Amino acid sequence: MTMLSRRAVVTGFGVLSPIGNAPEALWSALLAGTAGVGRITLFDPSHLPSQIAGEVKDFQPRQMIDKSYRRTLNAMARTVSLGVVGCQWAMADAGLSRGSFDPQRCGIEFASVMGATELDDLGPAAVRSIRPDRSGPDMRAWGEHGIPEVPPLWMLKYLPNMPACHATILYDIQGPSNTQIIGDVAGASALEEALRILRRQAADIMLVGGSEAKVHPLSLSRFNLFAEFSRRNEDPAGAVRPFDRDRDGTALGEGAAVFVLENLEHARQRGASVYAEVMAVASGVDRQYTGQGLARVIRQALALAGITPEEVDHVNAHGLGTRAGDRFEARGIAEVFGTRTPVFAPLSRFGNLGAASALLELACSVLALRHGWLPPTLNHQHPDPECPIHVHVGEPRPVRRPYVVKTTYTDLGQCAAIVIRRPDN
């Protein structure tokens, strides 16, 4: 058996998103055209130029996290607790629990970033360290009075590897473990490495996920200075407009998406149901931001999967709604697929989840393959000649072909493509 012939399938997933928590809630929202981007409620955004984001509703980690593990919640930032709950739900959905699998044959690949510090954690220390004339920080005061105000577990709350660390403890996972921090491409990178681990038989089960929570006053104050955010505060549901002529920027979101990726034979032996098969992941860098590098990565993913563009039902695009980003992505997609393959851009429904975005967007196509229908893209009303692709809008359409390609990228030109397939069963 060759490395590429070892098949990897999705046997469970957990999701927390601005439009639904749990796979079926997400699917219902996709079919209904639910928009999850709204005016920010987690704090007062009135000082910001862009006052909209996608927030996870009714997130109560104390009620959601396993009872045996709730004592650790004080050491979890929102990004971390979203990821841990997503891991729990994915494992439960796959029918796996602590002790039901060989812990040395199970690993984790997680996508995350450094969490935004809560104001109460560093605020008192900062206040104690300001010069009397407010001209700047006094480093002597910081050492004598500021540092003692910092909570002892401050750093552990926010490190990007914390979701994976907590999940390994919770489930006694002893196999390969790693955290990817490449922004919007991190989820695809986590999936790529997990796929390689399964194919070289270093594990039978891999937990693959991503979480991020940037709907935070510090993060958004900073991003509003340089990021291209939509300022359609009066119409948040229609603000993010993928590949649309009138797009004016994106919006941040928060949430988690976690898959259980499993060797097919192992899944069959335990009678697990299968959502989709992961065929290939490819990644690279488009240094000139022309789309040609992205096209090269897409072709590499198709070649690894052993398929042609004609076998792809739809392309699941990142579709940020930014001027340059959408133009870049559309050119890469068009170079491979032209205008014949429908493009689905679900991000406009829930905002950009950063490290969690690629996997949450992919989850939308996993559900489309499972149910046999492709939901439409929201807020694409006026095609942009500079984005020469066929964006699927209107009513849900039947899924006609067995494969889906997912694209994602960062503003530095890092890009990735994922190929998934409708399961045999």
Protein backbone atom coordinates (compact mmCIF):
# COMPACT_ATOMS: atom_id res chain seq x y z
CA MET A 1 0.00 0.00 0.00
CA THR A 2 1.46 3.37 -1.04
CA MET A 3 1.36 6.46 1.12
CA LEU A 4 -1.24 8.19 -1.09
CA SER A 5 -3.48 5.08 -1.14
CA ARG A 6 -4.05 5.30 2.61
CA ARG A 7 -7.41 7.00 2.68
CA ALA A 8 -8.43 9.59 5.27
CA VAL A 9 -12.04 10.40 6.07
CA VAL A 10 -13.95 12.84 8.26
CA THR A 11 -15.92 10.87 10.85
CA GLY A 12 -17.08 13.74 13.05
CA PHE A 13 -16.96 17.46 13.51
CA GLY A 14 -17.82 20.14 15.97
CA VAL A 15 -18.57 23.74 15.10
CA LEU A 16 -19.31 26.97 16.93
CA SER A 17 -20.13 29.80 14.58
CA PRO A 18 -22.09 33.05 14.34
CA ILE A 19 -24.83 31.24 12.40
CA GLY A 20 -25.09 27.99 14.31
CA ASN A 21 -23.45 25.66 16.78
CA ALA A 22 -23.37 21.97 15.74
CA PRO A 23 -23.39 20.64 12.15
CA GLU A 24 -27.15 20.47 11.64
CA ALA A 25 -27.69 23.97 13.04
CA LEU A 26 -25.01 25.24 10.65
CA TRP A 27 -26.64 23.45 7.73
CA SER A 28 -30.09 24.83 8.51
CA ALA A 29 -28.65 28.35 8.67
CA LEU A 30 -26.85 27.89 5.35
CA LEU A 31 -30.06 26.80 3.61
CA ALA A 32 -32.07 29.59 5.22
CA GLY A 33 -29.60 32.28 4.15
CA THR A 34 -28.99 33.31 7.76
CA ALA A 35 -26.53 36.17 8.21
CA GLY A 36 -24.35 36.10 11.31
CA VAL A 37 -22.59 39.45 10.92
CA GLY A 38 -24.20 42.14 13.08
CA ARG A 39 -23.41 45.07 15.31
CA ILE A 40 -20.91 44.07 17.98
CA THR A 41 -22.48 43.27 21.37
CA LEU A 42 -19.49 41.89 23.30
CA PHE A 43 -18.34 45.46 23.97
CA ASP A 44 -19.31 49.00 22.98
CA PRO A 45 -17.96 49.48 19.41
CA SER A 46 -19.09 53.09 18.97
CA HIS A 47 -15.49 54.37 18.85
CA LEU A 48 -14.65 52.17 15.85
CA PRO A 49 -15.07 53.03 12.16
CA SER A 50 -16.26 49.45 11.55
CA GLN A 51 -18.69 48.36 14.27
CA ILE A 52 -19.74 44.96 12.94
CA ALA A 53 -18.55 41.37 13.38
CA GLY A 54 -19.76 37.79 13.54
CA GLU A 55 -20.24 36.71 17.17
CA VAL A 56 -20.95 33.24 18.53
CA LYS A 57 -24.32 33.43 20.25
CA ASP A 58 -24.99 31.98 23.70
CA PHE A 59 -21.48 30.70 24.26
CA GLN A 60 -21.43 29.43 27.84
CA PRO A 61 -18.17 27.50 28.31
CA ARG A 62 -18.90 26.66 31.95
CA GLN A 63 -21.98 24.74 30.83
CA MET A 64 -20.36 23.31 27.70
CA ILE A 65 -16.95 22.06 28.84
CA ASP A 66 -16.74 18.61 30.40
CA LYS A 67 -17.47 18.74 34.14
CA SER A 68 -14.19 17.07 35.01
CA TYR A 69 -12.30 19.83 33.24
CA ARG A 70 -14.13 23.00 34.27
CA ARG A 71 -11.57 23.87 36.93
CA THR A 72 -9.21 24.92 34.12
CA LEU A 73 -11.57 27.53 32.64
CA ASN A 74 -9.84 30.36 34.49
CA ALA A 75 -6.75 29.54 32.43
CA MET A 76 -8.60 29.70 29.09
CA ALA A 77 -9.11 32.78 26.95
CA ARG A 78 -12.20 32.81 24.73
CA THR A 79 -10.16 31.56 21.74
CA VAL A 80 -9.02 28.57 23.79
CA SER A 81 -12.38 27.66 25.30
CA LEU A 82 -14.03 27.83 21.86
CA GLY A 83 -11.42 25.39 20.59
CA VAL A 84 -11.78 23.00 23.52
CA VAL A 85 -15.58 22.89 23.19
CA GLY A 86 -15.19 22.30 19.44
CA CYS A 87 -12.86 19.36 20.15
CA GLN A 88 -15.35 17.88 22.60
CA TRP A 89 -18.19 18.11 20.14
CA ALA A 90 -16.13 16.65 17.28
CA MET A 91 -15.04 13.66 19.36
CA ALA A 92 -18.60 13.05 20.56
CA ASP A 93 -19.92 13.33 17.00
CA ALA A 94 -17.39 10.71 15.90
CA GLY A 95 -18.40 8.39 18.74
CA LEU A 96 -15.04 8.68 20.49
CA SER A 97 -14.42 9.19 24.19
CA ARG A 98 -11.44 9.02 26.52
CA GLY A 99 -10.40 5.36 26.80
CA SER A 100 -12.27 4.21 23.68
CA PHE A 101 -9.19 4.42 21.41
CA ASP A 102 -5.46 3.80 21.63
CA PRO A 103 -4.12 7.16 22.88
CA GLN A 104 -0.72 6.56 21.27
CA ARG A 105 -2.44 6.23 17.87
CA CYS A 106 -4.36 9.50 18.15
CA GLY A 107 -2.87 12.95 17.50
CA ILE A 108 -3.94 16.56 17.12
CA GLU A 109 -3.23 19.37 14.66
CA PHE A 110 -4.71 22.72 15.64
CA ALA A 111 -4.83 26.16 14.05
CA SER A 112 -4.83 29.17 16.32
CA VAL A 113 -3.03 32.42 17.12
CA MET A 114 -2.04 34.35 20.23
CA GLY A 115 -5.26 35.33 21.97
CA ALA A 116 -6.13 38.95 22.64
CA THR A 117 -5.51 39.83 26.30
CA GLU A 118 -8.56 40.68 28.37
CA LEU A 119 -8.38 44.26 29.61
CA ASP A 120 -8.74 43.20 33.24
CA ASP A 121 -5.63 41.00 32.99
CA LEU A 122 -3.14 43.71 32.03
CA GLY A 123 -5.05 46.94 32.63
CA PRO A 124 -4.23 47.32 36.35
CA ALA A 125 -0.55 46.59 35.70
CA ALA A 126 -0.47 49.16 32.91
CA VAL A 127 -2.10 51.82 35.09
CA ARG A 128 0.45 51.24 37.85
CA SER A 129 3.28 51.71 35.34
CA ILE A 130 2.32 55.04 33.74
CA ARG A 131 4.50 58.07 34.56
CA PRO A 132 2.79 60.71 36.73
CA ASP A 133 2.83 63.19 33.82
CA ARG A 134 1.31 60.46 31.56
CA SER A 135 4.23 60.82 29.12
CA GLY A 136 4.71 57.10 28.82
CA PRO A 137 5.54 53.95 30.81
CA ASP A 138 7.90 54.03 33.77
CA MET A 139 9.90 50.81 33.57
CA ARG A 140 10.97 51.00 37.21
CA ALA A 141 7.31 51.28 38.23
CA TRP A 142 6.54 48.37 35.91
CA GLY A 143 9.09 46.19 37.67
CA GLU A 144 8.13 47.23 41.20
CA HIS A 145 4.36 47.67 40.93
CA GLY A 146 3.17 46.53 37.50
CA ILE A 147 4.42 42.96 37.26
CA PRO A 148 2.91 41.93 40.64
CA GLU A 149 -0.49 42.96 39.22
CA VAL A 150 -0.21 40.51 36.31
CA PRO A 151 -2.15 37.26 36.94
CA PRO A 152 0.26 34.30 37.36
CA LEU A 153 -1.45 32.31 34.59
CA TRP A 154 -1.69 35.26 32.21
CA MET A 155 0.50 33.82 29.45
CA LEU A 156 -1.06 30.34 29.60
CA LYS A 157 -4.49 31.80 28.86
CA TYR A 158 -3.47 33.18 25.50
CA LEU A 159 -0.78 31.01 23.92
CA PRO A 160 -1.85 29.61 20.52
CA ASN A 161 -0.96 26.02 21.44
CA MET A 162 -3.37 25.97 24.39
CA PRO A 163 -6.42 24.49 22.56
CA ALA A 164 -4.31 21.51 21.48
CA CYS A 165 -2.72 21.20 24.94
CA HIS A 166 -6.07 21.12 26.73
CA ALA A 167 -7.51 18.62 24.23
CA THR A 168 -4.56 16.25 24.67
CA ILE A 169 -5.06 16.33 28.45
CA LEU A 170 -8.83 15.94 28.23
CA TYR A 171 -8.63 12.88 25.92
CA ASP A 172 -5.19 11.53 26.89
CA ILE A 173 -3.97 12.05 23.32
CA GLN A 174 -0.38 10.81 23.13
CA GLY A 175 0.25 10.84 19.38
CA PRO A 176 1.67 13.62 17.17
CA SER A 177 0.68 17.11 18.31
CA ASN A 178 1.29 20.47 16.68
CA THR A 179 -0.17 23.99 16.34
CA GLN A 180 -0.28 26.02 13.13
CA ILE A 181 -0.25 29.81 13.35
CA ILE A 182 -0.26 30.95 9.69
CA GLY A 183 -3.36 33.14 9.97
CA ASP A 184 -6.13 32.32 7.51
CA VAL A 185 -4.13 29.43 5.99
CA ALA A 186 -3.49 27.77 9.36
CA GLY A 187 -6.51 25.45 9.21
CA ALA A 188 -5.50 24.11 5.80
CA SER A 189 -1.95 23.65 7.03
CA ALA A 190 -3.22 21.69 10.04
CA LEU A 191 -5.27 19.46 7.75
CA GLU A 192 -2.31 18.95 5.41
CA GLU A 193 -0.01 17.83 8.21
CA ALA A 194 -2.67 15.58 9.74
CA LEU A 195 -3.21 13.94 6.37
CA ARG A 196 0.51 13.23 6.06
CA ILE A 197 0.63 11.77 9.57
CA LEU A 198 -2.22 9.36 8.79
CA ARG A 199 -0.72 8.36 5.45
CA ARG A 200 2.66 7.51 6.94
CA GLN A 201 0.80 5.42 9.56
CA ALA A 202 2.00 7.46 12.54
CA ALA A 203 -1.60 7.62 13.81
CA ASP A 204 -5.05 6.19 13.12
CA ILE A 205 -7.03 9.22 14.32
CA MET A 206 -6.19 12.93 14.08
CA LEU A 207 -8.17 15.73 15.68
CA VAL A 208 -7.90 18.69 13.29
CA GLY A 209 -9.30 22.06 14.24
CA GLY A 210 -9.04 25.79 14.48
CA SER A 211 -10.36 28.51 16.78
CA GLU A 212 -10.07 32.26 17.01
CA ALA A 213 -11.85 35.08 18.86
CA LYS A 214 -10.74 38.51 17.67
CA VAL A 215 -14.01 40.30 18.44
CA HIS A 216 -12.22 42.18 21.16
CA PRO A 217 -11.67 45.91 21.82
CA LEU A 218 -7.87 45.72 21.59
CA SER A 219 -7.82 43.58 18.45
CA LEU A 220 -10.44 45.57 16.61
CA SER A 221 -8.95 48.93 17.58
CA ARG A 222 -5.68 47.76 16.05
CA PHE A 223 -7.18 46.14 12.95
CA ASN A 224 -9.32 49.19 12.21
CA LEU A 225 -6.10 51.16 11.73
CA PHE A 226 -4.83 49.06 8.79
CA ALA A 227 -7.21 46.26 7.80
CA GLU A 228 -9.77 46.66 5.04
CA PHE A 229 -13.03 46.41 6.99
CA SER A 230 -16.49 47.12 5.65
CA ARG A 231 -18.03 50.25 7.13
CA ARG A 232 -21.60 49.34 6.25
CA ASN A 233 -22.55 49.63 9.92
CA GLU A 234 -26.16 50.35 8.99
CA ASP A 235 -26.40 47.09 7.00
CA PRO A 236 -24.21 44.49 8.74
CA ALA A 237 -25.99 41.50 7.20
CA GLY A 238 -25.16 42.80 3.73
CA ALA A 239 -21.74 44.23 4.52
CA VAL A 240 -19.36 41.49 3.36
CA ARG A 241 -19.78 41.13 -0.41
CA PRO A 242 -17.50 38.45 -1.91
CA PHE A 243 -16.29 39.22 -5.44
CA ASP A 244 -18.91 41.94 -5.78
CA ARG A 245 -18.23 45.14 -7.70
CA ASP A 246 -19.31 47.25 -4.71
CA ARG A 247 -17.41 45.42 -1.97
CA ASP A 248 -15.72 47.67 0.59
CA GLY A 249 -14.04 45.24 2.97
CA THR A 250 -14.49 42.30 5.27
CA ALA A 251 -15.61 41.78 8.88
CA LEU A 252 -14.08 39.68 11.60
CA GLY A 253 -15.82 36.68 13.11
CA GLU A 254 -15.17 34.23 15.92
CA GLY A 255 -15.70 30.56 16.44
CA ALA A 256 -14.23 27.09 16.08
CA ALA A 257 -14.37 24.22 13.61
CA VAL A 258 -12.89 20.83 14.47
CA PHE A 259 -12.82 17.62 12.42
CA VAL A 260 -12.02 14.07 13.39
CA LEU A 261 -9.87 12.77 10.53
CA GLU A 262 -9.44 9.02 10.52
CA ASN A 263 -7.84 6.25 8.56
CA LEU A 264 -10.64 4.73 6.46
CA GLU A 265 -9.94 1.13 7.52
CA HIS A 266 -9.87 2.15 11.17
CA ALA A 267 -13.18 3.98 10.73
CA ARG A 268 -14.75 0.94 9.04
CA GLN A 269 -13.55 -1.42 11.76
CA ARG A 270 -15.36 0.57 14.42
CA GLY A 271 -18.45 1.21 12.27
CA ALA A 272 -18.05 4.99 12.09
CA SER A 273 -20.14 7.06 9.68
CA VAL A 274 -18.27 9.18 7.14
CA TYR A 275 -18.96 12.82 6.22
CA ALA A 276 -16.35 13.18 3.46
CA GLU A 277 -12.97 11.95 2.29
CA VAL A 278 -9.96 14.28 2.30
CA MET A 279 -8.12 13.62 -0.95
CA ALA A 280 -5.31 16.17 -0.98
CA VAL A 281 -3.98 19.43 0.42
CA ALA A 282 -1.38 21.61 -1.29
CA SER A 283 0.19 24.88 -0.19
CA GLY A 284 2.60 27.54 -1.41
CA VAL A 285 3.26 31.25 -1.69
CA ASP A 286 2.14 33.67 -4.40
CA ARG A 287 4.81 36.30 -3.80
CA GLN A 288 3.60 38.69 -6.50
CA TYR A 289 -0.06 38.37 -5.43
CA THR A 290 -1.12 37.84 -9.04
CA GLY A 291 -3.17 34.66 -8.63
CA GLN A 292 -0.74 32.57 -10.67
CA GLY A 293 0.82 31.09 -7.55
CA LEU A 294 -2.62 30.22 -6.18
CA ALA A 295 -3.49 28.57 -9.50
CA ARG A 296 -0.29 26.53 -9.27
CA VAL A 297 -1.27 25.36 -5.77
CA ILE A 298 -4.77 24.42 -6.97
CA ARG A 299 -3.33 22.38 -9.84
CA GLN A 300 -0.96 20.65 -7.44
CA ALA A 301 -3.88 19.69 -5.18
CA LEU A 302 -5.86 18.36 -8.16
CA ALA A 303 -2.85 16.33 -9.31
CA LEU A 304 -2.34 14.86 -5.84
CA ALA A 305 -6.02 13.90 -5.78
CA GLY A 306 -5.74 12.39 -9.27
CA ILE A 307 -8.63 14.40 -10.73
CA THR A 308 -9.28 17.07 -13.35
CA PRO A 309 -11.05 20.43 -12.96
CA GLU A 310 -14.06 18.98 -14.81
CA GLU A 311 -14.72 16.57 -11.91
CA VAL A 312 -15.10 19.39 -9.35
CA ASP A 313 -18.63 20.32 -8.31
CA HIS A 314 -17.74 23.72 -6.86
CA VAL A 315 -14.90 25.79 -5.53
CA ASN A 316 -15.26 26.91 -1.91
CA ALA A 317 -13.49 30.29 -1.89
CA HIS A 318 -12.21 32.37 1.02
CA GLY A 319 -14.11 35.36 -0.44
CA LEU A 320 -13.06 38.01 2.07
CA GLY A 321 -14.83 40.87 0.34
CA THR A 322 -11.67 43.01 0.11
CA ARG A 323 -10.70 44.74 -3.13
CA ALA A 324 -7.25 43.24 -3.67
CA GLY A 325 -7.89 39.93 -1.93
CA ASP A 326 -10.95 38.97 -3.96
CA ARG A 327 -9.24 40.02 -7.19
CA PHE A 328 -6.23 37.87 -6.33
CA GLU A 329 -8.28 34.81 -5.39
CA ALA A 330 -10.64 35.09 -8.36
CA ARG A 331 -7.76 35.26 -10.82
CA GLY A 332 -6.21 32.13 -9.34
CA ILE A 333 -9.50 30.23 -9.48
CA ALA A 334 -10.31 31.44 -13.01
CA GLU A 335 -6.93 30.34 -14.35
CA VAL A 336 -7.81 26.74 -13.43
CA PHE A 337 -11.60 26.59 -13.67
CA GLY A 338 -12.59 29.50 -15.89
CA THR A 339 -16.24 30.43 -15.41
CA ARG A 340 -17.66 26.91 -15.79
CA THR A 341 -17.33 25.83 -12.14
CA PRO A 342 -19.59 27.46 -9.51
CA VAL A 343 -17.84 29.35 -6.73
CA PHE A 344 -19.31 29.30 -3.22
CA ALA A 345 -18.11 31.89 -0.68
CA PRO A 346 -19.71 31.26 2.72
CA LEU A 347 -17.59 33.73 4.72
CA SER A 348 -20.04 36.59 4.05
CA ARG A 349 -22.46 34.82 6.40
CA PHE A 350 -20.22 34.78 9.49
CA GLY A 351 -17.12 36.93 8.92
CA ASN A 352 -13.45 35.99 8.80
CA LEU A 353 -12.54 33.64 11.65
CA GLY A 354 -8.82 33.86 10.90
CA ALA A 355 -7.14 30.61 11.96
CA ALA A 356 -10.54 28.89 12.18
CA SER A 357 -11.86 30.26 8.90
CA ALA A 358 -10.55 27.69 6.41
CA LEU A 359 -12.01 24.77 8.36
CA LEU A 360 -15.36 26.44 9.06
CA GLU A 361 -15.68 27.35 5.39
CA LEU A 362 -14.73 23.78 4.46
CA ALA A 363 -17.38 22.47 6.88
CA CYS A 364 -20.02 24.22 4.75
CA SER A 365 -18.98 22.17 1.71
CA VAL A 366 -18.72 18.98 3.76
CA LEU A 367 -22.38 19.50 4.63
CA ALA A 368 -23.22 20.34 1.02
CA LEU A 369 -21.75 17.01 -0.11
CA ARG A 370 -23.56 15.18 2.69
CA HIS A 371 -26.97 16.65 1.91
CA GLY A 372 -26.60 16.97 -1.86
CA TRP A 373 -27.27 20.71 -2.13
CA LEU A 374 -25.01 23.74 -2.56
CA PRO A 375 -26.30 26.84 -0.72
CA PRO A 376 -25.94 30.20 -2.45
CA THR A 377 -23.37 32.91 -1.74
CA LEU A 378 -24.83 35.89 0.11
CA ASN A 379 -24.40 39.54 -0.87
CA HIS A 380 -23.02 38.97 -4.36
CA GLN A 381 -25.25 41.24 -6.43
CA HIS A 382 -23.04 42.94 -9.04
CA PRO A 383 -20.32 40.78 -10.63
CA ASP A 384 -16.94 42.48 -10.83
CA PRO A 385 -15.19 42.24 -14.24
CA GLU A 386 -11.91 42.02 -12.33
CA CYS A 387 -13.14 38.81 -10.66
CA PRO A 388 -13.79 36.56 -13.72
CA ILE A 389 -15.50 33.66 -11.94
CA HIS A 390 -19.02 32.27 -11.70
CA VAL A 391 -20.26 32.94 -8.16
CA HIS A 392 -23.22 30.78 -7.19
CA VAL A 393 -26.18 32.90 -6.01
CA GLY A 394 -29.95 32.52 -5.90
CA GLU A 395 -31.40 29.20 -4.80
CA PRO A 396 -29.58 26.06 -3.58
CA ARG A 397 -28.50 23.88 -6.50
CA PRO A 398 -28.00 20.11 -6.55
CA VAL A 399 -24.46 18.83 -6.01
CA ARG A 400 -23.67 17.21 -9.37
CA ARG A 401 -20.07 16.07 -9.04
CA PRO A 402 -18.21 14.22 -6.28
CA TYR A 403 -15.32 16.63 -5.59
CA VAL A 404 -14.91 20.06 -3.99
CA VAL A 405 -11.87 22.34 -3.98
CA LYS A 406 -11.38 24.74 -1.05
CA THR A 407 -9.06 27.73 -1.47
CA THR A 408 -7.65 30.04 1.16
CA TYR A 409 -4.88 32.61 1.45
CA THR A 410 -3.32 35.39 3.52
CA ASP A 411 -2.55 38.97 2.52
CA LEU A 412 1.13 37.99 2.36
CA GLY A 413 0.39 35.56 -0.48
CA GLN A 414 0.50 32.31 1.50
CA CYS A 415 -2.16 30.08 -0.05
CA ALA A 416 -3.55 26.58 0.10
CA ALA A 417 -6.02 24.32 -1.67
CA ILE A 418 -7.92 21.34 -0.25
CA VAL A 419 -9.68 18.62 -2.23
CA ILE A 420 -12.47 16.64 -0.58
CA ARG A 421 -14.73 13.95 -1.99
CA ARG A 422 -18.26 12.76 -1.36
CA PRO A 423 -18.05 9.49 0.64
CA ASP A 424 -18.75 6.12 -0.93
CA ASN A 425 -21.35 5.13 1.68
